[in-house]
Amino acid sequence: SPALQLDLGSVIGTGVSVRYFRGINLQDLGIVSIWGGGISHNLNYWFDDSLPLEIGFGYYFQSFKVGNIFENTASQYGLFISKRIGGRISIEPYAGLTYETSRSEINYKYEFDSPAGRQELQLNIDYNGDQTVNLAVGTSINLSIFVLNFDYNFGGTNTGTVGIGFGF
């Protein structure tokens, strides 16, 4: 998505993510906006001797709106594992098993001229998406302050993503 995301962590093994985008004005349709967030917790925090893998769980949500016409909300609960190989410059393979839900709502009024005069058509659709279990596999390449990531998601809809980020 074209949203900016800020990830903060870790405090007591817990990280927080916030995502936001607002700004594309689609004229009659309204302004496109995205916001969301999430929280994850690394179970290794509770062990004196680290486990061979990072294991965590989390919850994430997102809302995508186009004016007052369209809104989609999505939630994800998941269990995640990863293993960092290296130090400041490293590679980190990861996987996640998630349960996802979504809901979309469309409310649109269309007015048009016809031989019978001015007409109005009201479209109202409320749709609960499939509740799916998904498996994501990927890797992050950490290059000091820059991070590249690639992953593929197997599930209700198979998707691939590529990302770039920076952190300190």
N, C-alpha and C. Protein backbone atom coordinates (compact mmCIF):
# COMPACT_ATOMS: atom_id res chain seq x y z
N SER A 1 0.84 -1.18 0.00
CA SER A 1 0.00 0.00 0.00
C SER A 1 0.88 1.24 0.00
N PRO A 2 0.35 2.37 -0.41
CA PRO A 2 1.15 3.59 -0.44
C PRO A 2 1.20 4.28 0.92
N ALA A 3 0.90 3.59 1.98
CA ALA A 3 0.86 4.20 3.30
C ALA A 3 2.25 4.24 3.92
N LEU A 4 2.46 5.24 4.77
CA LEU A 4 3.66 5.29 5.59
C LEU A 4 3.43 4.44 6.83
N GLN A 5 4.44 3.71 7.23
CA GLN A 5 4.30 2.87 8.42
C GLN A 5 5.45 3.15 9.36
N LEU A 6 5.12 3.29 10.63
CA LEU A 6 6.08 3.51 11.69
C LEU A 6 6.01 2.31 12.62
N ASP A 7 7.15 1.65 12.82
CA ASP A 7 7.23 0.50 13.72
C ASP A 7 8.10 0.90 14.91
N LEU A 8 7.57 0.73 16.11
CA LEU A 8 8.30 1.04 17.34
C LEU A 8 8.40 -0.22 18.18
N GLY A 9 9.55 -0.51 18.68
CA GLY A 9 9.71 -1.66 19.56
C GLY A 9 11.18 -1.83 19.81
N SER A 10 11.53 -2.49 20.76
CA SER A 10 10.71 -3.38 21.54
C SER A 10 10.77 -2.95 23.01
N VAL A 11 9.62 -2.89 23.63
CA VAL A 11 9.53 -2.62 25.05
C VAL A 11 8.89 -3.85 25.69
N ILE A 12 9.61 -4.48 26.56
CA ILE A 12 9.16 -5.72 27.22
C ILE A 12 8.76 -6.75 26.15
N GLY A 13 9.55 -6.80 25.06
CA GLY A 13 9.29 -7.77 24.00
C GLY A 13 8.13 -7.41 23.10
N THR A 14 7.58 -6.23 23.23
CA THR A 14 6.39 -5.85 22.48
C THR A 14 6.69 -4.69 21.54
N GLY A 15 6.19 -4.80 20.31
CA GLY A 15 6.34 -3.75 19.32
C GLY A 15 4.98 -3.25 18.86
N VAL A 16 4.95 -2.01 18.39
CA VAL A 16 3.71 -1.39 17.92
C VAL A 16 3.95 -0.84 16.52
N SER A 17 2.97 -1.00 15.64
CA SER A 17 3.02 -0.46 14.28
C SER A 17 1.85 0.48 14.07
N VAL A 18 2.10 1.58 13.36
CA VAL A 18 1.05 2.52 12.99
C VAL A 18 1.23 2.83 11.51
N ARG A 19 0.11 2.80 10.77
CA ARG A 19 0.13 3.03 9.33
C ARG A 19 -0.90 4.11 9.00
N TYR A 20 -0.51 5.06 8.10
CA TYR A 20 -1.43 6.14 7.76
C TYR A 20 -1.13 6.68 6.38
N PHE A 21 -2.19 7.02 5.65
CA PHE A 21 -2.07 7.70 4.36
C PHE A 21 -3.36 8.47 4.11
N ARG A 22 -3.22 9.70 3.71
CA ARG A 22 -4.39 10.50 3.33
C ARG A 22 -3.92 11.52 2.31
N GLY A 23 -4.70 11.68 1.26
CA GLY A 23 -4.28 12.73 0.37
C GLY A 23 -4.71 12.65 -1.07
N ILE A 24 -5.09 11.50 -1.59
CA ILE A 24 -5.52 11.46 -2.98
C ILE A 24 -7.00 11.85 -3.03
N ASN A 25 -7.28 12.95 -3.72
CA ASN A 25 -8.66 13.40 -3.85
C ASN A 25 -9.19 12.90 -5.19
N LEU A 26 -10.18 12.03 -5.15
CA LEU A 26 -10.78 11.47 -6.37
C LEU A 26 -12.03 12.24 -6.78
N GLN A 27 -11.98 13.54 -6.60
CA GLN A 27 -13.05 14.46 -6.98
C GLN A 27 -14.40 14.04 -6.40
N ASP A 28 -15.34 13.59 -7.23
CA ASP A 28 -16.70 13.26 -6.78
C ASP A 28 -16.74 12.08 -5.83
N LEU A 29 -15.72 11.23 -5.85
CA LEU A 29 -15.72 10.05 -4.99
C LEU A 29 -15.24 10.37 -3.57
N GLY A 30 -14.39 11.36 -3.42
CA GLY A 30 -13.88 11.73 -2.10
C GLY A 30 -12.40 11.47 -1.96
N ILE A 31 -11.92 11.60 -0.74
CA ILE A 31 -10.50 11.46 -0.43
C ILE A 31 -10.20 10.02 -0.03
N VAL A 32 -9.13 9.49 -0.59
CA VAL A 32 -8.66 8.15 -0.23
C VAL A 32 -7.85 8.24 1.05
N SER A 33 -8.16 7.37 2.01
CA SER A 33 -7.38 7.36 3.26
C SER A 33 -7.18 5.92 3.72
N ILE A 34 -6.05 5.71 4.34
CA ILE A 34 -5.70 4.41 4.90
C ILE A 34 -5.16 4.66 6.30
N TRP A 35 -5.59 3.87 7.25
CA TRP A 35 -4.98 3.92 8.57
C TRP A 35 -5.07 2.53 9.18
N GLY A 36 -4.16 2.26 10.06
CA GLY A 36 -4.18 0.95 10.71
C GLY A 36 -3.11 0.88 11.78
N GLY A 37 -3.01 -0.25 12.38
CA GLY A 37 -2.02 -0.43 13.42
C GLY A 37 -1.96 -1.88 13.87
N GLY A 38 -1.07 -2.12 14.75
CA GLY A 38 -0.95 -3.47 15.26
C GLY A 38 -0.01 -3.54 16.43
N ILE A 39 0.00 -4.70 17.03
CA ILE A 39 0.86 -4.96 18.18
C ILE A 39 1.37 -6.39 18.06
N SER A 40 2.63 -6.59 18.38
CA SER A 40 3.20 -7.93 18.36
C SER A 40 4.07 -8.13 19.60
N HIS A 41 4.18 -9.37 20.00
CA HIS A 41 4.96 -9.68 21.19
C HIS A 41 5.89 -10.85 20.89
N ASN A 42 7.17 -10.69 21.24
CA ASN A 42 8.18 -11.72 21.05
C ASN A 42 8.26 -12.57 22.32
N LEU A 43 7.94 -13.85 22.17
CA LEU A 43 7.94 -14.74 23.34
C LEU A 43 9.33 -14.97 23.93
N ASN A 44 10.38 -14.75 23.15
CA ASN A 44 11.75 -14.91 23.68
C ASN A 44 12.04 -13.99 24.86
N TYR A 45 11.28 -12.92 24.99
CA TYR A 45 11.47 -11.99 26.09
C TYR A 45 11.39 -12.71 27.43
N TRP A 46 10.59 -13.75 27.53
CA TRP A 46 10.33 -14.42 28.79
C TRP A 46 11.31 -15.54 29.13
N PHE A 47 12.30 -15.78 28.26
CA PHE A 47 13.25 -16.87 28.50
C PHE A 47 14.64 -16.31 28.77
N ASP A 48 15.30 -16.85 29.81
CA ASP A 48 16.68 -16.43 30.10
C ASP A 48 17.62 -16.85 28.98
N ASP A 49 17.46 -18.08 28.50
CA ASP A 49 18.24 -18.58 27.38
C ASP A 49 17.38 -18.45 26.13
N SER A 50 17.85 -17.68 25.15
CA SER A 50 17.06 -17.44 23.95
C SER A 50 16.76 -18.75 23.22
N LEU A 51 15.59 -18.79 22.64
CA LEU A 51 15.22 -19.92 21.79
C LEU A 51 16.00 -19.81 20.48
N PRO A 52 16.15 -20.91 19.74
CA PRO A 52 16.91 -20.84 18.49
C PRO A 52 16.21 -20.00 17.40
N LEU A 53 14.92 -19.76 17.56
CA LEU A 53 14.15 -18.94 16.64
C LEU A 53 13.44 -17.84 17.41
N GLU A 54 13.18 -16.72 16.75
CA GLU A 54 12.32 -15.70 17.33
C GLU A 54 10.88 -16.17 17.10
N ILE A 55 10.08 -16.22 18.14
CA ILE A 55 8.69 -16.66 18.03
C ILE A 55 7.81 -15.57 18.65
N GLY A 56 6.81 -15.16 17.91
CA GLY A 56 5.93 -14.12 18.42
C GLY A 56 4.52 -14.27 17.92
N PHE A 57 3.66 -13.45 18.46
CA PHE A 57 2.27 -13.41 18.02
C PHE A 57 1.84 -11.96 17.94
N GLY A 58 0.79 -11.71 17.15
CA GLY A 58 0.37 -10.33 17.00
C GLY A 58 -1.02 -10.18 16.45
N TYR A 59 -1.49 -8.94 16.49
CA TYR A 59 -2.78 -8.55 15.93
C TYR A 59 -2.57 -7.26 15.15
N TYR A 60 -3.14 -7.21 13.94
CA TYR A 60 -3.04 -6.03 13.09
C TYR A 60 -4.40 -5.72 12.48
N PHE A 61 -4.67 -4.44 12.20
CA PHE A 61 -5.92 -4.05 11.54
C PHE A 61 -5.62 -2.92 10.57
N GLN A 62 -6.51 -2.75 9.59
CA GLN A 62 -6.36 -1.66 8.64
C GLN A 62 -7.74 -1.24 8.14
N SER A 63 -7.89 0.06 7.89
CA SER A 63 -9.09 0.62 7.30
C SER A 63 -8.69 1.37 6.04
N PHE A 64 -9.43 1.13 4.97
CA PHE A 64 -9.21 1.79 3.68
C PHE A 64 -10.52 2.43 3.26
N LYS A 65 -10.52 3.76 3.05
CA LYS A 65 -11.75 4.48 2.71
C LYS A 65 -11.57 5.32 1.46
N VAL A 66 -12.66 5.44 0.71
CA VAL A 66 -12.75 6.39 -0.39
C VAL A 66 -13.97 7.24 -0.10
N GLY A 67 -13.73 8.44 0.45
CA GLY A 67 -14.81 9.33 0.83
C GLY A 67 -15.83 8.63 1.71
N ASN A 68 -17.12 8.88 1.42
CA ASN A 68 -18.21 8.21 2.13
C ASN A 68 -18.80 7.08 1.29
N ILE A 69 -18.12 6.73 0.20
CA ILE A 69 -18.66 5.76 -0.76
C ILE A 69 -18.20 4.34 -0.46
N PHE A 70 -16.93 4.17 -0.12
CA PHE A 70 -16.37 2.83 0.05
C PHE A 70 -15.54 2.76 1.31
N GLU A 71 -15.70 1.65 2.05
CA GLU A 71 -14.85 1.40 3.21
C GLU A 71 -14.57 -0.09 3.32
N ASN A 72 -13.30 -0.40 3.56
CA ASN A 72 -12.89 -1.78 3.79
C ASN A 72 -12.11 -1.82 5.10
N THR A 73 -12.43 -2.78 5.95
CA THR A 73 -11.66 -3.00 7.17
C THR A 73 -11.16 -4.44 7.16
N ALA A 74 -9.97 -4.64 7.67
CA ALA A 74 -9.37 -5.97 7.70
C ALA A 74 -8.64 -6.16 9.02
N SER A 75 -8.64 -7.40 9.51
CA SER A 75 -7.93 -7.76 10.73
C SER A 75 -7.12 -9.02 10.50
N GLN A 76 -6.03 -9.12 11.24
CA GLN A 76 -5.15 -10.28 11.13
C GLN A 76 -4.62 -10.65 12.51
N TYR A 77 -4.74 -11.92 12.85
CA TYR A 77 -4.15 -12.48 14.07
C TYR A 77 -3.12 -13.48 13.60
N GLY A 78 -1.95 -13.51 14.22
CA GLY A 78 -0.96 -14.43 13.70
C GLY A 78 0.10 -14.88 14.67
N LEU A 79 0.77 -15.96 14.26
CA LEU A 79 1.93 -16.53 14.93
C LEU A 79 3.08 -16.41 13.94
N PHE A 80 4.21 -15.85 14.39
CA PHE A 80 5.32 -15.54 13.50
C PHE A 80 6.62 -16.13 14.02
N ILE A 81 7.48 -16.59 13.09
CA ILE A 81 8.81 -17.08 13.46
C ILE A 81 9.84 -16.46 12.52
N SER A 82 11.05 -16.29 13.03
CA SER A 82 12.15 -15.78 12.19
C SER A 82 13.47 -16.20 12.81
N LYS A 83 14.53 -16.07 12.00
CA LYS A 83 15.89 -16.37 12.47
C LYS A 83 16.84 -15.41 11.79
N ARG A 84 17.46 -14.54 12.57
CA ARG A 84 18.44 -13.60 12.03
C ARG A 84 19.80 -14.27 11.94
N ILE A 85 20.42 -14.14 10.79
CA ILE A 85 21.76 -14.69 10.55
C ILE A 85 22.67 -13.52 10.24
N GLY A 86 23.59 -13.24 11.15
CA GLY A 86 24.49 -12.10 10.99
C GLY A 86 24.24 -11.08 12.08
N GLY A 87 24.89 -9.93 11.91
CA GLY A 87 24.76 -8.85 12.90
C GLY A 87 24.05 -7.66 12.30
N ARG A 88 24.77 -6.53 12.24
CA ARG A 88 24.18 -5.32 11.66
C ARG A 88 23.82 -5.50 10.20
N ILE A 89 24.64 -6.22 9.49
CA ILE A 89 24.32 -6.62 8.12
C ILE A 89 23.95 -8.10 8.20
N SER A 90 22.70 -8.41 7.85
CA SER A 90 22.21 -9.76 8.08
C SER A 90 21.10 -10.12 7.10
N ILE A 91 20.74 -11.38 7.15
CA ILE A 91 19.58 -11.89 6.43
C ILE A 91 18.68 -12.55 7.47
N GLU A 92 17.37 -12.38 7.31
CA GLU A 92 16.45 -12.91 8.31
C GLU A 92 15.26 -13.58 7.61
N PRO A 93 15.33 -14.90 7.40
CA PRO A 93 14.16 -15.60 6.87
C PRO A 93 13.04 -15.58 7.91
N TYR A 94 11.79 -15.54 7.43
CA TYR A 94 10.66 -15.51 8.36
C TYR A 94 9.45 -16.22 7.76
N ALA A 95 8.52 -16.56 8.63
CA ALA A 95 7.26 -17.16 8.22
C ALA A 95 6.18 -16.75 9.21
N GLY A 96 4.95 -16.76 8.74
CA GLY A 96 3.84 -16.42 9.61
C GLY A 96 2.60 -17.22 9.23
N LEU A 97 1.90 -17.68 10.22
CA LEU A 97 0.62 -18.35 10.03
C LEU A 97 -0.44 -17.43 10.60
N THR A 98 -1.38 -16.99 9.76
CA THR A 98 -2.33 -15.97 10.18
C THR A 98 -3.77 -16.36 9.90
N TYR A 99 -4.67 -15.75 10.65
CA TYR A 99 -6.11 -15.84 10.44
C TYR A 99 -6.57 -14.43 10.11
N GLU A 100 -7.26 -14.27 8.97
CA GLU A 100 -7.61 -12.94 8.50
C GLU A 100 -9.10 -12.81 8.21
N THR A 101 -9.64 -11.64 8.51
CA THR A 101 -11.04 -11.33 8.22
C THR A 101 -11.11 -9.95 7.56
N SER A 102 -12.20 -9.72 6.82
CA SER A 102 -12.38 -8.41 6.21
C SER A 102 -13.86 -8.13 6.00
N ARG A 103 -14.14 -6.85 5.82
CA ARG A 103 -15.52 -6.40 5.57
C ARG A 103 -15.44 -5.18 4.66
N SER A 104 -16.31 -5.15 3.65
CA SER A 104 -16.38 -4.01 2.73
C SER A 104 -17.80 -3.48 2.68
N GLU A 105 -17.91 -2.17 2.54
CA GLU A 105 -19.21 -1.52 2.44
C GLU A 105 -19.16 -0.47 1.34
N ILE A 106 -20.16 -0.51 0.46
CA ILE A 106 -20.28 0.46 -0.62
C ILE A 106 -21.62 1.16 -0.48
N ASN A 107 -21.60 2.48 -0.50
CA ASN A 107 -22.82 3.30 -0.48
C ASN A 107 -22.65 4.38 -1.55
N TYR A 108 -23.38 4.24 -2.65
CA TYR A 108 -23.19 5.17 -3.77
C TYR A 108 -24.53 5.55 -4.38
N LYS A 109 -24.73 6.84 -4.57
CA LYS A 109 -25.94 7.34 -5.21
C LYS A 109 -25.55 7.88 -6.59
N TYR A 110 -26.21 7.34 -7.62
CA TYR A 110 -25.94 7.74 -9.00
C TYR A 110 -27.18 8.41 -9.57
N GLU A 111 -27.02 9.63 -10.05
CA GLU A 111 -28.13 10.36 -10.64
C GLU A 111 -27.87 10.52 -12.14
N PHE A 112 -28.92 10.32 -12.93
CA PHE A 112 -28.76 10.40 -14.38
C PHE A 112 -30.08 10.85 -15.02
N ASP A 113 -29.96 11.39 -16.25
CA ASP A 113 -31.12 11.81 -17.02
C ASP A 113 -31.58 10.64 -17.88
N SER A 114 -32.90 10.47 -17.99
CA SER A 114 -33.48 9.43 -18.84
C SER A 114 -34.69 10.02 -19.56
N PRO A 115 -35.25 9.31 -20.53
CA PRO A 115 -36.45 9.82 -21.20
C PRO A 115 -37.60 10.06 -20.22
N ALA A 116 -37.60 9.36 -19.09
CA ALA A 116 -38.65 9.55 -18.07
C ALA A 116 -38.32 10.68 -17.10
N GLY A 117 -37.18 11.35 -17.31
CA GLY A 117 -36.78 12.43 -16.41
C GLY A 117 -35.57 12.04 -15.56
N ARG A 118 -35.29 12.87 -14.61
CA ARG A 118 -34.13 12.65 -13.73
C ARG A 118 -34.37 11.39 -12.89
N GLN A 119 -33.37 10.50 -12.86
CA GLN A 119 -33.47 9.24 -12.13
C GLN A 119 -32.34 9.17 -11.09
N GLU A 120 -32.57 8.37 -10.08
CA GLU A 120 -31.58 8.17 -9.03
C GLU A 120 -31.48 6.68 -8.74
N LEU A 121 -30.27 6.21 -8.67
CA LEU A 121 -30.02 4.82 -8.35
C LEU A 121 -29.15 4.78 -7.09
N GLN A 122 -29.62 4.12 -6.06
CA GLN A 122 -28.87 4.00 -4.80
C GLN A 122 -28.28 2.60 -4.72
N LEU A 123 -26.99 2.50 -4.56
CA LEU A 123 -26.29 1.22 -4.46
C LEU A 123 -25.75 1.08 -3.04
N ASN A 124 -26.18 0.04 -2.33
CA ASN A 124 -25.71 -0.25 -0.98
C ASN A 124 -25.31 -1.72 -0.92
N ILE A 125 -24.04 -1.96 -0.69
CA ILE A 125 -23.53 -3.32 -0.59
C ILE A 125 -22.72 -3.44 0.69
N ASP A 126 -23.02 -4.45 1.48
CA ASP A 126 -22.28 -4.75 2.70
C ASP A 126 -21.80 -6.19 2.57
N TYR A 127 -20.48 -6.38 2.53
CA TYR A 127 -19.92 -7.69 2.23
C TYR A 127 -18.89 -8.11 3.27
N ASN A 128 -19.11 -9.27 3.88
CA ASN A 128 -18.10 -9.84 4.76
C ASN A 128 -17.20 -10.74 3.93
N GLY A 129 -15.91 -10.44 3.95
CA GLY A 129 -14.95 -11.23 3.17
C GLY A 129 -14.77 -12.62 3.74
N ASP A 130 -14.07 -13.43 2.98
CA ASP A 130 -13.75 -14.77 3.45
C ASP A 130 -12.86 -14.69 4.68
N GLN A 131 -13.10 -15.58 5.60
CA GLN A 131 -12.22 -15.71 6.76
C GLN A 131 -11.21 -16.79 6.37
N THR A 132 -9.94 -16.39 6.27
CA THR A 132 -8.94 -17.30 5.71
C THR A 132 -7.77 -17.51 6.66
N VAL A 133 -7.13 -18.65 6.49
CA VAL A 133 -5.87 -18.94 7.15
C VAL A 133 -4.80 -18.84 6.06
N ASN A 134 -3.75 -18.09 6.33
CA ASN A 134 -2.71 -17.84 5.34
C ASN A 134 -1.34 -18.19 5.89
N LEU A 135 -0.45 -18.54 4.98
CA LEU A 135 0.95 -18.79 5.31
C LEU A 135 1.80 -17.83 4.50
N ALA A 136 2.61 -17.05 5.18
CA ALA A 136 3.54 -16.14 4.51
C ALA A 136 4.96 -16.62 4.76
N VAL A 137 5.79 -16.62 3.73
CA VAL A 137 7.21 -16.94 3.87
C VAL A 137 8.00 -15.86 3.15
N GLY A 138 9.12 -15.50 3.74
CA GLY A 138 9.92 -14.45 3.12
C GLY A 138 11.25 -14.27 3.81
N THR A 139 11.91 -13.20 3.42
CA THR A 139 13.20 -12.87 4.04
C THR A 139 13.40 -11.36 4.04
N SER A 140 14.13 -10.90 5.03
CA SER A 140 14.58 -9.51 5.10
C SER A 140 16.09 -9.50 4.96
N ILE A 141 16.57 -8.52 4.23
CA ILE A 141 18.01 -8.31 4.10
C ILE A 141 18.30 -6.98 4.79
N ASN A 142 19.00 -7.06 5.91
CA ASN A 142 19.31 -5.87 6.72
C ASN A 142 20.68 -5.35 6.33
N LEU A 143 20.72 -4.12 5.80
CA LEU A 143 21.96 -3.49 5.37
C LEU A 143 22.19 -2.24 6.22
N SER A 144 22.58 -2.47 7.46
CA SER A 144 22.79 -1.41 8.43
C SER A 144 21.47 -0.66 8.68
N ILE A 145 21.29 0.55 8.11
CA ILE A 145 20.05 1.28 8.38
C ILE A 145 18.97 1.01 7.33
N PHE A 146 19.29 0.32 6.23
CA PHE A 146 18.31 0.00 5.20
C PHE A 146 17.90 -1.46 5.30
N VAL A 147 16.62 -1.73 5.02
CA VAL A 147 16.10 -3.09 5.05
C VAL A 147 15.32 -3.35 3.77
N LEU A 148 15.63 -4.45 3.11
CA LEU A 148 14.86 -4.92 1.96
C LEU A 148 14.11 -6.16 2.40
N ASN A 149 12.85 -6.30 2.00
CA ASN A 149 12.15 -7.53 2.34
C ASN A 149 11.34 -8.03 1.14
N PHE A 150 11.23 -9.33 1.06
CA PHE A 150 10.50 -10.02 0.01
C PHE A 150 9.70 -11.12 0.67
N ASP A 151 8.41 -11.23 0.32
CA ASP A 151 7.66 -12.38 0.85
C ASP A 151 6.54 -12.77 -0.10
N TYR A 152 6.02 -13.97 0.15
CA TYR A 152 4.91 -14.50 -0.62
C TYR A 152 3.89 -15.07 0.36
N ASN A 153 2.61 -14.77 0.09
CA ASN A 153 1.53 -15.17 0.98
C ASN A 153 0.66 -16.21 0.26
N PHE A 154 0.54 -17.39 0.86
CA PHE A 154 -0.31 -18.45 0.34
C PHE A 154 -1.58 -18.47 1.17
N GLY A 155 -2.74 -18.39 0.51
CA GLY A 155 -3.99 -18.40 1.26
C GLY A 155 -5.15 -18.13 0.36
N GLY A 156 -6.14 -17.40 0.89
CA GLY A 156 -7.33 -17.07 0.10
C GLY A 156 -6.96 -16.38 -1.20
N THR A 157 -6.04 -15.45 -1.15
CA THR A 157 -5.48 -14.79 -2.33
C THR A 157 -3.97 -14.85 -2.20
N ASN A 158 -3.31 -15.43 -3.17
CA ASN A 158 -1.85 -15.52 -3.14
C ASN A 158 -1.27 -14.18 -3.60
N THR A 159 -0.35 -13.62 -2.79
CA THR A 159 0.24 -12.33 -3.12
C THR A 159 1.72 -12.35 -2.82
N GLY A 160 2.46 -11.53 -3.54
CA GLY A 160 3.86 -11.32 -3.27
C GLY A 160 4.09 -9.86 -2.95
N THR A 161 5.04 -9.58 -2.07
CA THR A 161 5.35 -8.19 -1.74
C THR A 161 6.86 -7.98 -1.74
N VAL A 162 7.22 -6.75 -2.00
CA VAL A 162 8.61 -6.29 -1.94
C VAL A 162 8.57 -4.99 -1.17
N GLY A 163 9.48 -4.82 -0.23
CA GLY A 163 9.50 -3.58 0.55
C GLY A 163 10.89 -3.07 0.78
N ILE A 164 10.98 -1.79 1.09
CA ILE A 164 12.24 -1.17 1.47
C ILE A 164 11.94 -0.26 2.66
N GLY A 165 12.84 -0.23 3.60
CA GLY A 165 12.64 0.59 4.78
C GLY A 165 13.97 1.04 5.34
N PHE A 166 13.91 1.88 6.33
CA PHE A 166 15.11 2.27 7.04
C PHE A 166 14.78 2.40 8.50
N GLY A 167 15.77 2.20 9.31
CA GLY A 167 15.58 2.29 10.75
C GLY A 167 16.91 2.51 11.45
N PHE A 168 16.81 2.80 12.70
CA PHE A 168 18.03 3.02 13.49
C PHE A 168 17.76 2.65 14.92
